[in-house]
Amino acid sequence: MIEISKIKKLTLEITSYCNLQCPQCARFTADGFLTNSLSTSHLSLDVFRQGVELEKCTQLQEVEFQGEHGDCMMHPQLLDYLHLLTDVRKVILVTNGSIGNPKYFRQLADFKNLKIVFSIDGLEDTNHIYRINSRFDKIIKNATSFIDAGGEAEWKYLIFKHNQHQVEKAKELSKKIGFRKFFSKPTARNFFGTGTWPVMIEGVYSHNIEIADAINPAKKSNIIASTKEKYIEPKCSWIEKDNALYVNHRGHVLPCCMTSGTTWGQSMSDRLFRKIIGNIDNIDLHHNSLEKILQGEFYTQRLKNSWESQKTAHHLCVSNCT
């Protein structure tokens, strides 16, 4: 389906460690406990370097550090990763911004192909409502240090009801500090399927979060229902359109971020995707090179064959790539 020489983008989840406890994060259960099946670990630089063989990725244009289960700033070898990728045209690092210190962020500004996207969902009185355990003052100091040292930064703002009134004020602050871009979007992430959901931290109720006024709670269910009327074979946008792949913290090479936790999660959905994969070792950089993985049964046959009918297609592929 995809040759190593044609890969244009890699998204890397190099760690499952994070300093925050954001509700609805894939690291946590609805009750706010760390997911039992999640092993906190880092993807070592040696495994990545030896497995991916960057010299064979002749069309690689972009590498993005963004994880479903961790913040790349927690990785002890992050600077070494960035040194390894200095010949890649664009490297993007997505972080909550509250890890590290201004000195470290000044070091990051030395990488001229690097852009940092700071996920900041509000101002001093609201960012911590979703980004639990974050410190707004520390984030701004880190971002300012990076920008003042010549780094390119963007501000990504998820809109909830509690911060929807601050979007313009945050945008103005971003301009004042020197962010190149500010972008915001309403989010309906929700375990409960309603407009309001309780935030639980290790089984103890903390507070409620409400989705933004711009979001219709029924919208997502309406879209899903419409796919049942007529089956449309998925077309994997990551592989077939963007020539992109995702590598999770365990070294598993996957089609996209939506499938990140399927190789170790215990839900029925995860188990069904593992049935499509077959032997997990066959897509693991600890056991195979990237080139061998792409030549293996999962990428040449099993994934594509699973799309042939609604009975065998995984719902992640159907809901995201039809």
C-alpha atoms as a PDB file:
ATOM      1  CA  MET A   1       0.000   0.000   0.000  1.00  0.00           C
ATOM      2  CA  ILE A   2       2.849   2.404   0.787  1.00  0.00           C
ATOM      3  CA  GLU A   3       6.570   2.250   0.108  1.00  0.00           C
ATOM      4  CA  ILE A   4       9.138   3.584   2.550  1.00  0.00           C
ATOM      5  CA  SER A   5      10.579   5.866  -0.141  1.00  0.00           C
ATOM      6  CA  LYS A   6       7.175   7.517  -0.599  1.00  0.00           C
ATOM      7  CA  ILE A   7       6.437   8.404   3.043  1.00  0.00           C
ATOM      8  CA  LYS A   8       5.928  12.156   3.359  1.00  0.00           C
ATOM      9  CA  LYS A   9       4.938  12.476   7.012  1.00  0.00           C
ATOM     10  CA  LEU A  10       5.522  10.644  10.286  1.00  0.00           C
ATOM     11  CA  THR A  11       3.598  11.397  13.474  1.00  0.00           C
ATOM     12  CA  LEU A  12       5.464  10.214  16.545  1.00  0.00           C
ATOM     13  CA  GLU A  13       4.095   9.466  20.001  1.00  0.00           C
ATOM     14  CA  ILE A  14       7.494   8.961  21.644  1.00  0.00           C
ATOM     15  CA  THR A  15       6.214   8.716  25.215  1.00  0.00           C
ATOM     16  CA  SER A  16       3.154   7.841  27.271  1.00  0.00           C
ATOM     17  CA  TYR A  17       4.220  10.103  30.146  1.00  0.00           C
ATOM     18  CA  CYS A  18       2.425  13.382  30.812  1.00  0.00           C
ATOM     19  CA  ASN A  19       2.322  15.866  33.682  1.00  0.00           C
ATOM     20  CA  LEU A  20      -1.375  16.692  33.286  1.00  0.00           C
ATOM     21  CA  GLN A  21      -4.619  14.879  34.026  1.00  0.00           C
ATOM     22  CA  CYS A  22      -6.924  16.196  31.333  1.00  0.00           C
ATOM     23  CA  PRO A  23     -10.398  14.620  31.492  1.00  0.00           C
ATOM     24  CA  GLN A  24     -11.372  12.704  28.341  1.00  0.00           C
ATOM     25  CA  CYS A  25      -7.679  12.040  27.625  1.00  0.00           C
ATOM     26  CA  ALA A  26      -7.053   8.508  26.376  1.00  0.00           C
ATOM     27  CA  ARG A  27      -4.675   7.991  29.319  1.00  0.00           C
ATOM     28  CA  PHE A  28      -7.560   7.971  31.771  1.00  0.00           C
ATOM     29  CA  THR A  29     -10.809   6.168  32.417  1.00  0.00           C
ATOM     30  CA  ALA A  30     -14.089   8.062  32.789  1.00  0.00           C
ATOM     31  CA  ASP A  31     -13.531   7.869  36.581  1.00  0.00           C
ATOM     32  CA  GLY A  32     -10.169   9.609  36.285  1.00  0.00           C
ATOM     33  CA  PHE A  33      -7.857   6.666  36.908  1.00  0.00           C
ATOM     34  CA  LEU A  34      -4.840   5.913  34.738  1.00  0.00           C
ATOM     35  CA  THR A  35      -5.900   3.220  32.272  1.00  0.00           C
ATOM     36  CA  ASN A  36      -4.763  -0.174  33.603  1.00  0.00           C
ATOM     37  CA  SER A  37      -3.520  -1.384  30.242  1.00  0.00           C
ATOM     38  CA  LEU A  38      -1.359   1.698  29.655  1.00  0.00           C
ATOM     39  CA  SER A  39       2.307   1.107  30.396  1.00  0.00           C
ATOM     40  CA  THR A  40       4.167   4.365  30.935  1.00  0.00           C
ATOM     41  CA  SER A  41       7.203   4.157  28.703  1.00  0.00           C
ATOM     42  CA  HIS A  42       9.387   6.027  26.220  1.00  0.00           C
ATOM     43  CA  LEU A  43      10.216   5.011  22.653  1.00  0.00           C
ATOM     44  CA  SER A  44      14.008   4.952  22.709  1.00  0.00           C
ATOM     45  CA  LEU A  45      15.940   6.896  20.109  1.00  0.00           C
ATOM     46  CA  ASP A  46      17.966   3.813  19.173  1.00  0.00           C
ATOM     47  CA  VAL A  47      14.850   1.781  18.385  1.00  0.00           C
ATOM     48  CA  PHE A  48      13.471   4.616  16.255  1.00  0.00           C
ATOM     49  CA  ARG A  49      16.754   5.303  14.433  1.00  0.00           C
ATOM     50  CA  GLN A  50      17.562   1.674  13.696  1.00  0.00           C
ATOM     51  CA  GLY A  51      14.005   0.736  12.822  1.00  0.00           C
ATOM     52  CA  VAL A  52      12.946   3.664  10.650  1.00  0.00           C
ATOM     53  CA  GLU A  53      16.215   4.070   8.686  1.00  0.00           C
ATOM     54  CA  LEU A  54      15.631   7.714   7.764  1.00  0.00           C
ATOM     55  CA  GLU A  55      18.026   7.522   4.830  1.00  0.00           C
ATOM     56  CA  LYS A  56      15.448   5.326   3.073  1.00  0.00           C
ATOM     57  CA  CYS A  57      12.638   7.848   3.672  1.00  0.00           C
ATOM     58  CA  THR A  58      13.747   9.939   0.711  1.00  0.00           C
ATOM     59  CA  GLN A  59      10.495  11.928   0.429  1.00  0.00           C
ATOM     60  CA  LEU A  60       9.969  12.566   4.143  1.00  0.00           C
ATOM     61  CA  GLN A  61       8.958  16.214   4.497  1.00  0.00           C
ATOM     62  CA  GLU A  62       7.396  16.459   7.949  1.00  0.00           C
ATOM     63  CA  VAL A  63       7.684  14.867  11.370  1.00  0.00           C
ATOM     64  CA  GLU A  64       5.163  15.760  14.051  1.00  0.00           C
ATOM     65  CA  PHE A  65       5.603  14.930  17.727  1.00  0.00           C
ATOM     66  CA  GLN A  66       2.075  14.497  19.026  1.00  0.00           C
ATOM     67  CA  GLY A  67       0.757  11.705  21.174  1.00  0.00           C
ATOM     68  CA  GLU A  68      -2.607  10.404  22.214  1.00  0.00           C
ATOM     69  CA  HIS A  69      -1.192   9.241  25.541  1.00  0.00           C
ATOM     70  CA  GLY A  70       1.719  11.516  26.418  1.00  0.00           C
ATOM     71  CA  ASP A  71       3.506  14.832  25.916  1.00  0.00           C
ATOM     72  CA  CYS A  72       6.765  14.588  23.958  1.00  0.00           C
ATOM     73  CA  MET A  73       8.400  17.128  26.284  1.00  0.00           C
ATOM     74  CA  MET A  74       8.519  14.348  28.911  1.00  0.00           C
ATOM     75  CA  HIS A  75      10.962  12.299  26.795  1.00  0.00           C
ATOM     76  CA  PRO A  76      14.552  12.463  28.128  1.00  0.00           C
ATOM     77  CA  GLN A  77      15.971  12.125  24.589  1.00  0.00           C
ATOM     78  CA  LEU A  78      13.835  14.751  22.868  1.00  0.00           C
ATOM     79  CA  LEU A  79      16.806  16.954  21.950  1.00  0.00           C
ATOM     80  CA  ASP A  80      18.552  13.908  20.453  1.00  0.00           C
ATOM     81  CA  TYR A  81      15.461  13.180  18.360  1.00  0.00           C
ATOM     82  CA  LEU A  82      15.482  16.761  17.084  1.00  0.00           C
ATOM     83  CA  HIS A  83      19.195  16.550  16.197  1.00  0.00           C
ATOM     84  CA  LEU A  84      18.463  13.362  14.247  1.00  0.00           C
ATOM     85  CA  LEU A  85      15.764  15.178  12.244  1.00  0.00           C
ATOM     86  CA  THR A  86      17.653  18.353  11.304  1.00  0.00           C
ATOM     87  CA  ASP A  87      17.516  17.431   7.599  1.00  0.00           C
ATOM     88  CA  VAL A  88      13.712  17.074   7.611  1.00  0.00           C
ATOM     89  CA  ARG A  89      12.091  20.187   6.143  1.00  0.00           C
ATOM     90  CA  LYS A  90       9.474  20.643   8.889  1.00  0.00           C
ATOM     91  CA  VAL A  91       9.340  19.329  12.461  1.00  0.00           C
ATOM     92  CA  ILE A  92       6.295  20.120  14.623  1.00  0.00           C
ATOM     93  CA  LEU A  93       6.183  19.648  18.371  1.00  0.00           C
ATOM     94  CA  VAL A  94       2.785  19.751  20.122  1.00  0.00           C
ATOM     95  CA  THR A  95       2.881  20.308  23.887  1.00  0.00           C
ATOM     96  CA  ASN A  96       0.837  21.655  26.775  1.00  0.00           C
ATOM     97  CA  GLY A  97       3.769  23.996  27.424  1.00  0.00           C
ATOM     98  CA  SER A  98       4.030  23.458  31.178  1.00  0.00           C
ATOM     99  CA  ILE A  99       6.928  20.977  31.055  1.00  0.00           C
ATOM    100  CA  GLY A 100      10.507  22.205  31.177  1.00  0.00           C
ATOM    101  CA  ASN A 101      11.788  25.705  31.816  1.00  0.00           C
ATOM    102  CA  PRO A 102      12.671  28.849  29.822  1.00  0.00           C
ATOM    103  CA  LYS A 103      16.312  27.734  29.424  1.00  0.00           C
ATOM    104  CA  TYR A 104      15.224  24.466  27.813  1.00  0.00           C
ATOM    105  CA  PHE A 105      12.828  26.263  25.479  1.00  0.00           C
ATOM    106  CA  ARG A 106      15.632  28.609  24.393  1.00  0.00           C
ATOM    107  CA  GLN A 107      17.574  25.487  23.402  1.00  0.00           C
ATOM    108  CA  LEU A 108      14.631  24.313  21.313  1.00  0.00           C
ATOM    109  CA  ALA A 109      14.728  27.578  19.379  1.00  0.00           C
ATOM    110  CA  ASP A 110      18.136  26.538  17.975  1.00  0.00           C
ATOM    111  CA  PHE A 111      16.389  24.004  15.714  1.00  0.00           C
ATOM    112  CA  LYS A 112      15.450  26.155  12.722  1.00  0.00           C
ATOM    113  CA  ASN A 113      13.141  23.547  11.169  1.00  0.00           C
ATOM    114  CA  LEU A 114      11.107  23.300  14.385  1.00  0.00           C
ATOM    115  CA  LYS A 115       7.680  24.764  15.110  1.00  0.00           C
ATOM    116  CA  ILE A 116       6.064  24.360  18.525  1.00  0.00           C
ATOM    117  CA  VAL A 117       2.287  24.246  18.904  1.00  0.00           C
ATOM    118  CA  PHE A 118       1.266  25.182  22.437  1.00  0.00           C
ATOM    119  CA  SER A 119      -2.088  23.701  23.511  1.00  0.00           C
ATOM    120  CA  ILE A 120      -3.449  26.435  25.783  1.00  0.00           C
ATOM    121  CA  ASP A 121      -7.197  26.328  26.391  1.00  0.00           C
ATOM    122  CA  GLY A 122      -7.932  29.623  28.070  1.00  0.00           C
ATOM    123  CA  LEU A 123      -6.214  32.212  30.242  1.00  0.00           C
ATOM    124  CA  GLU A 124      -4.869  32.145  33.794  1.00  0.00           C
ATOM    125  CA  ASP A 125      -8.284  31.574  35.373  1.00  0.00           C
ATOM    126  CA  THR A 126      -9.537  28.941  32.913  1.00  0.00           C
ATOM    127  CA  ASN A 127      -6.748  26.929  31.229  1.00  0.00           C
ATOM    128  CA  HIS A 128      -6.396  24.588  34.228  1.00  0.00           C
ATOM    129  CA  ILE A 129     -10.113  23.691  34.191  1.00  0.00           C
ATOM    130  CA  TYR A 130      -9.466  21.250  31.343  1.00  0.00           C
ATOM    131  CA  ARG A 131      -5.638  21.143  31.426  1.00  0.00           C
ATOM    132  CA  ILE A 132      -5.647  19.929  35.031  1.00  0.00           C
ATOM    133  CA  ASN A 133      -2.336  20.513  36.894  1.00  0.00           C
ATOM    134  CA  SER A 134      -1.085  23.044  34.327  1.00  0.00           C
ATOM    135  CA  ARG A 135       0.366  26.402  35.359  1.00  0.00           C
ATOM    136  CA  PHE A 136      -0.523  29.223  33.007  1.00  0.00           C
ATOM    137  CA  ASP A 137       2.278  31.514  34.185  1.00  0.00           C
ATOM    138  CA  LYS A 138       4.873  28.819  33.510  1.00  0.00           C
ATOM    139  CA  ILE A 139       3.446  28.130  30.039  1.00  0.00           C
ATOM    140  CA  ILE A 140       3.643  31.800  29.077  1.00  0.00           C
ATOM    141  CA  LYS A 141       7.227  32.079  30.363  1.00  0.00           C
ATOM    142  CA  ASN A 142       8.269  29.018  28.357  1.00  0.00           C
ATOM    143  CA  ALA A 143       6.526  30.214  25.207  1.00  0.00           C
ATOM    144  CA  THR A 144       7.961  33.715  25.542  1.00  0.00           C
ATOM    145  CA  SER A 145      11.470  32.324  26.010  1.00  0.00           C
ATOM    146  CA  PHE A 146      11.150  30.169  22.890  1.00  0.00           C
ATOM    147  CA  ILE A 147       9.737  33.003  20.776  1.00  0.00           C
ATOM    148  CA  ASP A 148      12.231  35.622  21.996  1.00  0.00           C
ATOM    149  CA  ALA A 149      15.060  33.241  21.056  1.00  0.00           C
ATOM    150  CA  GLY A 150      13.762  33.126  17.469  1.00  0.00           C
ATOM    151  CA  GLY A 151      11.470  30.099  17.656  1.00  0.00           C
ATOM    152  CA  GLU A 152       8.269  29.738  15.627  1.00  0.00           C
ATOM    153  CA  ALA A 153       5.227  29.104  17.805  1.00  0.00           C
ATOM    154  CA  GLU A 154       1.478  28.650  17.385  1.00  0.00           C
ATOM    155  CA  TRP A 155      -1.300  28.786  19.994  1.00  0.00           C
ATOM    156  CA  LYS A 156      -3.951  26.034  19.755  1.00  0.00           C
ATOM    157  CA  TYR A 157      -7.123  26.748  21.759  1.00  0.00           C
ATOM    158  CA  LEU A 158      -9.884  24.206  22.427  1.00  0.00           C
ATOM    159  CA  ILE A 159     -13.155  26.001  23.117  1.00  0.00           C
ATOM    160  CA  PHE A 160     -15.390  24.895  25.985  1.00  0.00           C
ATOM    161  CA  LYS A 161     -18.211  26.832  27.602  1.00  0.00           C
ATOM    162  CA  HIS A 162     -15.948  27.968  30.431  1.00  0.00           C
ATOM    163  CA  ASN A 163     -13.424  29.619  28.083  1.00  0.00           C
ATOM    164  CA  GLN A 164     -15.523  30.590  25.047  1.00  0.00           C
ATOM    165  CA  HIS A 165     -15.703  34.216  26.208  1.00  0.00           C
ATOM    166  CA  GLN A 166     -11.894  34.518  26.271  1.00  0.00           C
ATOM    167  CA  VAL A 167     -10.992  33.557  22.711  1.00  0.00           C
ATOM    168  CA  GLU A 168     -10.429  37.102  21.452  1.00  0.00           C
ATOM    169  CA  LYS A 169      -8.517  38.104  24.578  1.00  0.00           C
ATOM    170  CA  ALA A 170      -6.258  35.058  24.213  1.00  0.00           C
ATOM    171  CA  LYS A 171      -5.746  35.870  20.542  1.00  0.00           C
ATOM    172  CA  GLU A 172      -4.625  39.379  21.452  1.00  0.00           C
ATOM    173  CA  LEU A 173      -2.223  37.986  24.054  1.00  0.00           C
ATOM    174  CA  SER A 174      -0.783  35.598  21.477  1.00  0.00           C
ATOM    175  CA  LYS A 175      -0.027  38.520  19.170  1.00  0.00           C
ATOM    176  CA  LYS A 176       1.583  40.481  21.987  1.00  0.00           C
ATOM    177  CA  ILE A 177       3.892  37.588  22.883  1.00  0.00           C
ATOM    178  CA  GLY A 178       4.770  36.893  19.245  1.00  0.00           C
ATOM    179  CA  PHE A 179       2.966  33.691  18.311  1.00  0.00           C
ATOM    180  CA  ARG A 180       2.927  33.295  14.512  1.00  0.00           C
ATOM    181  CA  LYS A 181      -0.604  31.896  14.530  1.00  0.00           C
ATOM    182  CA  PHE A 182      -3.600  31.491  16.838  1.00  0.00           C
ATOM    183  CA  PHE A 183      -6.302  28.956  16.012  1.00  0.00           C
ATOM    184  CA  SER A 184      -9.297  27.816  18.008  1.00  0.00           C
ATOM    185  CA  LYS A 185     -12.035  25.228  17.625  1.00  0.00           C
ATOM    186  CA  PRO A 186     -14.992  24.040  19.710  1.00  0.00           C
ATOM    187  CA  THR A 187     -14.611  20.523  21.043  1.00  0.00           C
ATOM    188  CA  ALA A 188     -17.307  17.979  21.837  1.00  0.00           C
ATOM    189  CA  ARG A 189     -15.009  15.344  23.341  1.00  0.00           C
ATOM    190  CA  ASN A 190     -17.213  13.493  25.776  1.00  0.00           C
ATOM    191  CA  PHE A 191     -17.467  10.070  27.428  1.00  0.00           C
ATOM    192  CA  PHE A 192     -21.103  10.691  28.317  1.00  0.00           C
ATOM    193  CA  GLY A 193     -22.831  11.868  25.121  1.00  0.00           C
ATOM    194  CA  THR A 194     -24.305  14.969  26.740  1.00  0.00           C
ATOM    195  CA  GLY A 195     -23.492  18.662  26.805  1.00  0.00           C
ATOM    196  CA  THR A 196     -22.269  18.506  30.410  1.00  0.00           C
ATOM    197  CA  TRP A 197     -19.906  15.975  31.923  1.00  0.00           C
ATOM    198  CA  PRO A 198     -18.479  15.496  35.424  1.00  0.00           C
ATOM    199  CA  VAL A 199     -14.717  15.611  35.853  1.00  0.00           C
ATOM    200  CA  MET A 200     -13.514  12.773  38.062  1.00  0.00           C
ATOM    201  CA  ILE A 201      -9.996  12.531  39.502  1.00  0.00           C
ATOM    202  CA  GLU A 202      -9.175   9.052  40.811  1.00  0.00           C
ATOM    203  CA  GLY A 203     -12.825   8.382  41.531  1.00  0.00           C
ATOM    204  CA  VAL A 204     -13.525  11.707  43.238  1.00  0.00           C
ATOM    205  CA  TYR A 205     -15.795  14.306  41.641  1.00  0.00           C
ATOM    206  CA  SER A 206     -14.002  17.593  40.949  1.00  0.00           C
ATOM    207  CA  HIS A 207     -16.168  19.815  38.739  1.00  0.00           C
ATOM    208  CA  ASN A 208     -18.308  19.895  35.599  1.00  0.00           C
ATOM    209  CA  ILE A 209     -17.227  20.857  32.104  1.00  0.00           C
ATOM    210  CA  GLU A 210     -19.736  21.978  29.493  1.00  0.00           C
ATOM    211  CA  ILE A 211     -19.234  21.972  25.746  1.00  0.00           C
ATOM    212  CA  ALA A 212     -19.242  25.284  23.894  1.00  0.00           C
ATOM    213  CA  ASP A 213     -22.532  26.840  22.817  1.00  0.00           C
ATOM    214  CA  ALA A 214     -21.509  26.388  19.174  1.00  0.00           C
ATOM    215  CA  ILE A 215     -21.593  22.580  19.461  1.00  0.00           C
ATOM    216  CA  ASN A 216     -24.743  20.555  18.817  1.00  0.00           C
ATOM    217  CA  PRO A 217     -24.553  17.426  21.045  1.00  0.00           C
ATOM    218  CA  ALA A 218     -26.599  15.434  18.524  1.00  0.00           C
ATOM    219  CA  LYS A 219     -24.375  16.251  15.555  1.00  0.00           C
ATOM    220  CA  LYS A 220     -21.914  13.379  15.977  1.00  0.00           C
ATOM    221  CA  SER A 221     -24.591  10.715  16.453  1.00  0.00           C
ATOM    222  CA  ASN A 222     -26.411  11.969  13.352  1.00  0.00           C
ATOM    223  CA  ILE A 223     -23.263  11.582  11.261  1.00  0.00           C
ATOM    224  CA  ILE A 224     -22.658   8.056  12.548  1.00  0.00           C
ATOM    225  CA  ALA A 225     -26.255   7.068  11.879  1.00  0.00           C
ATOM    226  CA  SER A 226     -26.026   8.251   8.282  1.00  0.00           C
ATOM    227  CA  THR A 227     -23.153   5.824   7.555  1.00  0.00           C
ATOM    228  CA  LYS A 228     -25.463   2.892   8.287  1.00  0.00           C
ATOM    229  CA  GLU A 229     -27.722   3.664   5.348  1.00  0.00           C
ATOM    230  CA  LYS A 230     -25.178   2.700   2.716  1.00  0.00           C
ATOM    231  CA  TYR A 231     -21.793   1.122   3.222  1.00  0.00           C
ATOM    232  CA  ILE A 232     -18.932   3.033   1.625  1.00  0.00           C
ATOM    233  CA  GLU A 233     -15.527   1.362   1.598  1.00  0.00           C
ATOM    234  CA  PRO A 234     -13.038   3.442   3.607  1.00  0.00           C
ATOM    235  CA  LYS A 235     -10.190   5.169   1.830  1.00  0.00           C
ATOM    236  CA  CYS A 236      -7.367   5.598   4.294  1.00  0.00           C
ATOM    237  CA  SER A 237      -6.532   9.288   3.988  1.00  0.00           C
ATOM    238  CA  TRP A 238      -3.290   8.922   5.943  1.00  0.00           C
ATOM    239  CA  ILE A 239      -1.839   6.189   3.767  1.00  0.00           C
ATOM    240  CA  GLU A 240      -3.510   6.567   0.381  1.00  0.00           C
ATOM    241  CA  LYS A 241      -3.680  10.375   0.208  1.00  0.00           C
ATOM    242  CA  ASP A 242      -1.088  11.855   2.555  1.00  0.00           C
ATOM    243  CA  ASN A 243       1.518   9.049   2.510  1.00  0.00           C
ATOM    244  CA  ALA A 244       1.648   9.354   6.296  1.00  0.00           C
ATOM    245  CA  LEU A 245       2.102   6.945   9.186  1.00  0.00           C
ATOM    246  CA  TYR A 246       1.833   7.019  12.991  1.00  0.00           C
ATOM    247  CA  VAL A 247       4.288   5.451  15.447  1.00  0.00           C
ATOM    248  CA  ASN A 248       3.118   5.020  19.042  1.00  0.00           C
ATOM    249  CA  HIS A 249       5.199   4.924  22.237  1.00  0.00           C
ATOM    250  CA  ARG A 250       5.526   1.143  22.013  1.00  0.00           C
ATOM    251  CA  GLY A 251       7.116   1.361  18.575  1.00  0.00           C
ATOM    252  CA  HIS A 252       4.041   0.093  16.744  1.00  0.00           C
ATOM    253  CA  VAL A 253       3.682   1.456  13.209  1.00  0.00           C
ATOM    254  CA  LEU A 254       0.029   2.300  12.612  1.00  0.00           C
ATOM    255  CA  PRO A 255      -2.058   3.968   9.905  1.00  0.00           C
ATOM    256  CA  CYS A 256      -3.097   6.962  12.030  1.00  0.00           C
ATOM    257  CA  CYS A 257      -3.463   8.460  15.507  1.00  0.00           C
ATOM    258  CA  MET A 258      -7.022   7.127  15.764  1.00  0.00           C
ATOM    259  CA  THR A 259      -5.584   3.606  16.016  1.00  0.00           C
ATOM    260  CA  SER A 260      -2.854   4.522  18.524  1.00  0.00           C
ATOM    261  CA  GLY A 261      -4.163   2.612  21.539  1.00  0.00           C
ATOM    262  CA  THR A 262      -5.598  -0.373  19.688  1.00  0.00           C
ATOM    263  CA  THR A 263      -2.397  -2.417  19.934  1.00  0.00           C
ATOM    264  CA  TRP A 264      -2.562  -2.677  23.730  1.00  0.00           C
ATOM    265  CA  GLY A 265      -6.029  -1.485  24.869  1.00  0.00           C
ATOM    266  CA  GLN A 266      -8.553  -3.934  26.321  1.00  0.00           C
ATOM    267  CA  SER A 267     -11.814  -2.664  24.828  1.00  0.00           C
ATOM    268  CA  MET A 268     -13.729  -4.740  22.306  1.00  0.00           C
ATOM    269  CA  SER A 269     -12.863  -2.141  19.673  1.00  0.00           C
ATOM    270  CA  ASP A 270      -9.137  -2.527  20.394  1.00  0.00           C
ATOM    271  CA  ARG A 271      -9.342  -6.305  20.244  1.00  0.00           C
ATOM    272  CA  LEU A 272     -11.145  -6.202  16.914  1.00  0.00           C
ATOM    273  CA  PHE A 273      -8.411  -4.008  15.435  1.00  0.00           C
ATOM    274  CA  ARG A 274      -5.722  -6.365  16.758  1.00  0.00           C
ATOM    275  CA  LYS A 275      -7.525  -9.174  14.961  1.00  0.00           C
ATOM    276  CA  ILE A 276      -7.006  -7.250  11.730  1.00  0.00           C
ATOM    277  CA  ILE A 277      -3.346  -6.621  12.565  1.00  0.00           C
ATOM    278  CA  GLY A 278      -2.574 -10.236  13.396  1.00  0.00           C
ATOM    279  CA  ASN A 279       0.792 -10.632  15.137  1.00  0.00           C
ATOM    280  CA  ILE A 280       1.628  -7.297  16.820  1.00  0.00           C
ATOM    281  CA  ASP A 281       5.365  -8.038  16.548  1.00  0.00           C
ATOM    282  CA  ASN A 282       5.008  -7.726  12.778  1.00  0.00           C
ATOM    283  CA  ILE A 283       4.345  -3.974  13.083  1.00  0.00           C
ATOM    284  CA  ASP A 284       6.781  -3.344  15.964  1.00  0.00           C
ATOM    285  CA  LEU A 285      10.026  -1.410  15.384  1.00  0.00           C
ATOM    286  CA  HIS A 286      11.608  -3.440  18.186  1.00  0.00           C
ATOM    287  CA  HIS A 287      11.338  -6.531  15.972  1.00  0.00           C
ATOM    288  CA  ASN A 288      11.258  -5.254  12.386  1.00  0.00           C
ATOM    289  CA  SER A 289      12.487  -2.349  10.302  1.00  0.00           C
ATOM    290  CA  LEU A 290       9.928   0.109   8.951  1.00  0.00           C
ATOM    291  CA  GLU A 291      10.605  -1.135   5.441  1.00  0.00           C
ATOM    292  CA  LYS A 292       9.895  -4.734   6.448  1.00  0.00           C
ATOM    293  CA  ILE A 293       6.743  -3.687   8.312  1.00  0.00           C
ATOM    294  CA  LEU A 294       5.373  -1.954   5.207  1.00  0.00           C
ATOM    295  CA  GLN A 295       6.138  -5.032   3.126  1.00  0.00           C
ATOM    296  CA  GLY A 296       4.380  -7.246   5.649  1.00  0.00           C
ATOM    297  CA  GLU A 297       0.934  -8.804   5.581  1.00  0.00           C
ATOM    298  CA  PHE A 298      -0.850  -6.079   7.553  1.00  0.00           C
ATOM    299  CA  TYR A 299      -0.033  -3.253   5.155  1.00  0.00           C
ATOM    300  CA  THR A 300      -0.080  -5.256   1.921  1.00  0.00           C
ATOM    301  CA  GLN A 301      -3.211  -7.335   2.583  1.00  0.00           C
ATOM    302  CA  ARG A 302      -4.956  -7.440   5.949  1.00  0.00           C
ATOM    303  CA  LEU A 303      -5.862  -3.745   6.371  1.00  0.00           C
ATOM    304  CA  LYS A 304      -7.119  -3.320   2.835  1.00  0.00           C
ATOM    305  CA  ASN A 305      -9.024  -6.613   2.910  1.00  0.00           C
ATOM    306  CA  SER A 306     -10.791  -5.587   6.128  1.00  0.00           C
ATOM    307  CA  TRP A 307     -12.486  -2.715   4.304  1.00  0.00           C
ATOM    308  CA  GLU A 308     -14.227  -4.926   1.747  1.00  0.00           C
ATOM    309  CA  SER A 309     -17.488  -5.193   3.654  1.00  0.00           C
ATOM    310  CA  GLN A 310     -19.234  -3.512   6.554  1.00  0.00           C
ATOM    311  CA  LYS A 311     -18.958  -6.753   8.521  1.00  0.00           C
ATOM    312  CA  THR A 312     -15.163  -6.780   8.502  1.00  0.00           C
ATOM    313  CA  ALA A 313     -14.324  -3.049   8.372  1.00  0.00           C
ATOM    314  CA  HIS A 314     -13.306  -1.573  11.710  1.00  0.00           C
ATOM    315  CA  HIS A 315     -15.525   1.290  12.927  1.00  0.00           C
ATOM    316  CA  LEU A 316     -12.489   3.605  13.290  1.00  0.00           C
ATOM    317  CA  CYS A 317     -11.824   3.308   9.569  1.00  0.00           C
ATOM    318  CA  VAL A 318     -15.514   3.634   8.665  1.00  0.00           C
ATOM    319  CA  SER A 319     -16.220   6.664  10.859  1.00  0.00           C
ATOM    320  CA  ASN A 320     -13.046   8.580  10.005  1.00  0.00           C
ATOM    321  CA  CYS A 321     -12.180   7.649   6.418  1.00  0.00           C
ATOM    322  CA  THR A 322     -15.380   7.108   4.439  1.00  0.00           C
END
